[in-house]
Amino acid sequence: MRLGRFIRILATGGVVLAPLCVLGHAMEFLTAKLILLPDAEVRLEVTADHALNPLVPDEAAALQAVDRPLEVQVAGSWAPLDQMMPRLIEKHTDWLRCAPPNLPPPPPEAVHALVTASWQWKHPQSELVFRVPKGNMHDVFLWQPVEANQDSRSQWMLLLAGDVTKGIAVLPRKSMNDWSGALTGIILITGLCMATWVLRQKGWKRILSNNS
């Protein structure tokens, strides 16, 4: 049994787990950082390390690895991430932004060569469901950063080819009440500005009439 399969079984459902000591330092997977933003906005950053991942020997392989690492379920069908929003590519060495703090760090002398593909879109449904495409050779370490009001440990799961996540709730969309409140505020401010302008105009007319 592969180590990745054993870990995935332990992490089924994306439960909050203790420090990931069992993973060691071998980065034989892609990291996928999921950020949930207000108003159903979703940001996903998938990173391949072509310096330390033996399955990603060079930059070309890293670009290929992050081309279609996950699919997202929309209206009952699986869609590539590029269907939600074209990806942006960044090449960097900042490992800390790509992995949760409870993942054991690589050796101090390790030099990373990272390729990060990012997608950001407004999700059309109340939940996110991802899967690793069948036949994909790269396992995906999906994790969410810790919010200030959450447990201090990151939520994560290790997905193999064909694996499907449970539903991940997106943040609620702004309701019409939110927009109507903002519109009311704009109308009030606009009315106040117009009233001030009218009073100033009348004041100038009064001064000019007194001087004539």
Protein backbone atom coordinates (compact mmCIF):
# COMPACT_ATOMS: atom_id res chain seq x y z
CA MET A 1 0.00 0.00 0.00
CA ARG A 2 1.36 3.42 -0.95
CA LEU A 3 2.14 5.81 1.86
CA GLY A 4 -0.06 8.40 0.16
CA ARG A 5 -3.03 6.00 0.13
CA PHE A 6 -2.57 5.26 3.83
CA ILE A 7 -2.48 8.96 4.69
CA ARG A 8 -5.52 9.66 2.54
CA ILE A 9 -7.49 7.01 4.39
CA LEU A 10 -6.58 8.67 7.68
CA ALA A 11 -7.58 12.07 6.33
CA THR A 12 -10.88 11.08 4.68
CA GLY A 13 -13.36 13.96 4.83
CA GLY A 14 -10.74 16.63 5.36
CA VAL A 15 -10.79 16.37 9.14
CA VAL A 16 -8.52 18.54 11.25
CA LEU A 17 -5.46 16.48 12.08
CA ALA A 18 -2.39 16.63 14.26
CA PRO A 19 1.02 17.67 12.86
CA LEU A 20 1.86 15.75 9.73
CA CYS A 21 4.95 13.98 11.01
CA VAL A 22 4.20 10.86 8.98
CA LEU A 23 4.78 12.72 5.73
CA GLY A 24 8.46 13.36 6.30
CA HIS A 25 10.14 15.73 3.87
CA ALA A 26 9.56 14.06 0.50
CA MET A 27 7.26 16.37 -1.47
CA GLU A 28 5.83 13.73 -3.78
CA PHE A 29 2.58 15.62 -4.34
CA LEU A 30 1.23 18.96 -5.48
CA THR A 31 0.05 21.41 -2.84
CA ALA A 32 -3.32 23.08 -3.41
CA LYS A 33 -4.11 26.06 -1.17
CA LEU A 34 -7.85 26.81 -1.03
CA ILE A 35 -8.93 30.27 0.09
CA LEU A 36 -12.62 31.07 0.58
CA LEU A 37 -13.38 34.77 0.07
CA PRO A 38 -16.56 36.79 0.71
CA ASP A 39 -19.51 36.67 -1.69
CA ALA A 40 -18.86 33.09 -2.94
CA GLU A 41 -15.42 34.01 -4.30
CA VAL A 42 -12.92 31.15 -4.41
CA ARG A 43 -9.15 31.22 -4.87
CA LEU A 44 -7.10 28.09 -5.50
CA GLU A 45 -3.28 28.01 -5.73
CA VAL A 46 -1.71 24.74 -6.92
CA THR A 47 2.07 24.41 -6.66
CA ALA A 48 4.63 21.98 -8.05
CA ASP A 49 8.24 21.91 -6.80
CA HIS A 50 10.61 20.83 -9.56
CA ALA A 51 13.61 20.99 -7.23
CA LEU A 52 12.44 18.57 -4.52
CA ASN A 53 9.64 16.50 -6.07
CA PRO A 54 11.16 13.47 -7.80
CA LEU A 55 8.04 13.17 -9.97
CA VAL A 56 8.58 16.69 -11.34
CA PRO A 57 12.12 16.75 -12.77
CA ASP A 58 12.11 20.19 -14.42
CA GLU A 59 10.12 23.37 -15.06
CA ALA A 60 8.37 21.95 -18.11
CA ALA A 61 7.13 19.02 -16.02
CA ALA A 62 5.99 21.43 -13.30
CA LEU A 63 3.96 23.46 -15.81
CA GLN A 64 2.37 20.27 -17.08
CA ALA A 65 1.62 19.09 -13.52
CA VAL A 66 -0.36 22.26 -12.69
CA ASP A 67 -2.15 22.33 -16.05
CA ARG A 68 -5.18 20.32 -14.86
CA PRO A 69 -4.48 19.16 -11.30
CA LEU A 70 -8.11 19.23 -10.16
CA GLU A 71 -11.61 19.37 -11.59
CA VAL A 72 -14.56 21.13 -9.96
CA GLN A 73 -18.17 19.97 -10.00
CA VAL A 74 -20.61 22.40 -11.59
CA ALA A 75 -24.27 21.49 -12.19
CA GLY A 76 -23.53 17.80 -11.78
CA SER A 77 -20.65 17.71 -14.29
CA TRP A 78 -16.88 17.89 -13.87
CA ALA A 79 -15.24 21.02 -15.26
CA PRO A 80 -11.54 21.87 -15.58
CA LEU A 81 -10.46 24.82 -13.49
CA ASP A 82 -9.67 26.84 -16.62
CA GLN A 83 -13.39 26.74 -17.42
CA MET A 84 -14.04 28.75 -14.25
CA MET A 85 -11.22 31.23 -14.89
CA PRO A 86 -7.98 31.10 -16.93
CA ARG A 87 -5.02 30.27 -14.70
CA LEU A 88 -2.20 32.62 -13.78
CA ILE A 89 1.33 31.20 -13.53
CA GLU A 90 3.97 32.36 -11.06
CA LYS A 91 7.52 31.05 -10.61
CA HIS A 92 9.01 31.61 -7.15
CA THR A 93 10.79 30.04 -4.16
CA ASP A 94 8.40 30.96 -1.30
CA TRP A 95 7.55 27.55 0.15
CA LEU A 96 5.83 28.99 3.25
CA ARG A 97 2.87 30.29 1.23
CA CYS A 98 2.34 26.90 -0.44
CA ALA A 99 2.06 24.56 2.54
CA PRO A 100 0.37 24.69 5.97
CA PRO A 101 2.51 25.47 9.01
CA ASN A 102 1.97 21.99 10.50
CA LEU A 103 3.63 20.33 7.51
CA PRO A 104 7.19 19.39 8.51
CA PRO A 105 9.53 21.79 6.73
CA PRO A 106 12.16 20.57 4.28
CA PRO A 107 15.81 20.63 5.37
CA PRO A 108 17.21 24.15 5.92
CA GLU A 109 19.59 23.73 2.99
CA ALA A 110 16.76 22.84 0.58
CA VAL A 111 16.31 25.20 -2.36
CA HIS A 112 12.83 25.27 -3.85
CA ALA A 113 11.93 25.85 -7.48
CA LEU A 114 8.19 26.41 -7.42
CA VAL A 115 5.60 26.87 -10.13
CA THR A 116 2.22 28.05 -8.82
CA ALA A 117 -0.94 28.13 -10.92
CA SER A 118 -3.79 30.18 -9.44
CA TRP A 119 -7.46 30.45 -10.28
CA GLN A 120 -10.03 32.82 -8.75
CA TRP A 121 -13.73 32.76 -9.55
CA LYS A 122 -17.20 33.33 -8.11
CA HIS A 123 -18.57 29.85 -7.52
CA PRO A 124 -22.12 29.32 -8.87
CA GLN A 125 -23.11 26.83 -6.15
CA SER A 126 -23.20 26.85 -2.35
CA GLU A 127 -20.59 24.06 -2.09
CA LEU A 128 -17.30 23.19 -3.74
CA VAL A 129 -16.56 19.62 -4.75
CA PHE A 130 -13.16 18.77 -6.28
CA ARG A 131 -11.68 15.62 -7.73
CA VAL A 132 -8.29 14.63 -9.08
CA PRO A 133 -8.82 13.58 -12.71
CA LYS A 134 -8.61 9.85 -13.29
CA GLY A 135 -5.20 8.82 -14.59
CA ASN A 136 -3.44 11.83 -13.04
CA MET A 137 0.00 10.75 -11.80
CA HIS A 138 0.24 13.52 -9.17
CA ASP A 139 -1.37 13.29 -5.74
CA VAL A 140 -2.79 16.61 -4.54
CA PHE A 141 -2.42 17.89 -0.97
CA LEU A 142 -5.50 20.14 -0.59
CA TRP A 143 -5.48 22.47 2.43
CA GLN A 144 -7.16 25.59 3.80
CA PRO A 145 -5.42 28.35 5.77
CA VAL A 146 -6.47 28.78 9.39
CA GLU A 147 -8.81 31.65 10.18
CA ALA A 148 -8.48 33.63 13.39
CA ASN A 149 -11.64 32.07 14.87
CA GLN A 150 -10.79 28.48 13.91
CA ASP A 151 -8.72 25.70 15.39
CA SER A 152 -4.99 26.45 15.14
CA ARG A 153 -4.42 23.41 12.89
CA SER A 154 -5.04 23.49 9.16
CA GLN A 155 -7.70 21.41 7.48
CA TRP A 156 -6.24 19.18 4.79
CA MET A 157 -6.69 16.01 2.75
CA LEU A 158 -4.44 14.09 0.39
CA LEU A 159 -6.19 13.16 -2.87
CA LEU A 160 -5.14 10.51 -5.36
CA ALA A 161 -6.30 10.10 -8.96
CA GLY A 162 -10.08 9.69 -9.04
CA ASP A 163 -10.58 10.83 -5.43
CA VAL A 164 -13.50 13.20 -4.76
CA THR A 165 -13.78 15.62 -1.84
CA LYS A 166 -16.82 16.11 0.32
CA GLY A 167 -18.71 19.37 -0.17
CA ILE A 168 -16.85 22.47 1.03
CA ALA A 169 -19.21 25.34 1.82
CA VAL A 170 -18.38 28.63 0.15
CA LEU A 171 -19.01 31.92 1.92
CA PRO A 172 -22.55 33.27 1.38
CA ARG A 173 -23.36 35.58 -1.48
CA LYS A 174 -24.40 39.13 -0.71
CA SER A 175 -28.17 39.32 -0.42
CA MET A 176 -30.39 41.94 -2.03
CA ASN A 177 -30.80 43.46 1.45
CA ASP A 178 -27.05 44.12 1.55
CA TRP A 179 -27.18 45.85 -1.83
CA SER A 180 -30.34 47.81 -0.95
CA GLY A 181 -28.65 49.08 2.21
CA ALA A 182 -25.63 50.23 0.23
CA LEU A 183 -27.88 51.86 -2.37
CA THR A 184 -29.82 53.69 0.35
CA GLY A 185 -26.55 55.02 1.74
CA ILE A 186 -25.47 56.25 -1.70
CA ILE A 187 -28.81 57.99 -2.24
CA LEU A 188 -28.61 59.70 1.16
CA ILE A 189 -25.07 60.92 0.57
CA THR A 190 -25.95 62.13 -2.92
CA GLY A 191 -28.99 63.99 -1.57
CA LEU A 192 -26.92 65.60 1.19
CA CYS A 193 -24.31 66.77 -1.33
CA MET A 194 -27.01 68.25 -3.58
CA ALA A 195 -28.68 70.02 -0.66
CA THR A 196 -25.34 71.48 0.41
CA TRP A 197 -24.67 72.69 -3.15
CA VAL A 198 -28.13 74.33 -3.37
CA LEU A 199 -27.67 76.10 -0.03
CA ARG A 200 -24.27 77.39 -1.09
CA GLN A 201 -25.70 78.68 -4.36
CA LYS A 202 -28.47 80.50 -2.49
CA GLY A 203 -25.91 81.93 -0.09
CA TRP A 204 -23.79 83.32 -2.93
CA LYS A 205 -26.89 84.82 -4.59
CA ARG A 206 -27.85 86.53 -1.31
CA ILE A 207 -24.36 88.00 -0.91
CA LEU A 208 -24.31 89.27 -4.49
CA SER A 209 -27.77 90.82 -4.15
CA ASN A 210 -26.74 92.64 -0.96
CA ASN A 211 -23.63 94.03 -2.66
CA SER A 212 -25.50 95.30 -5.73
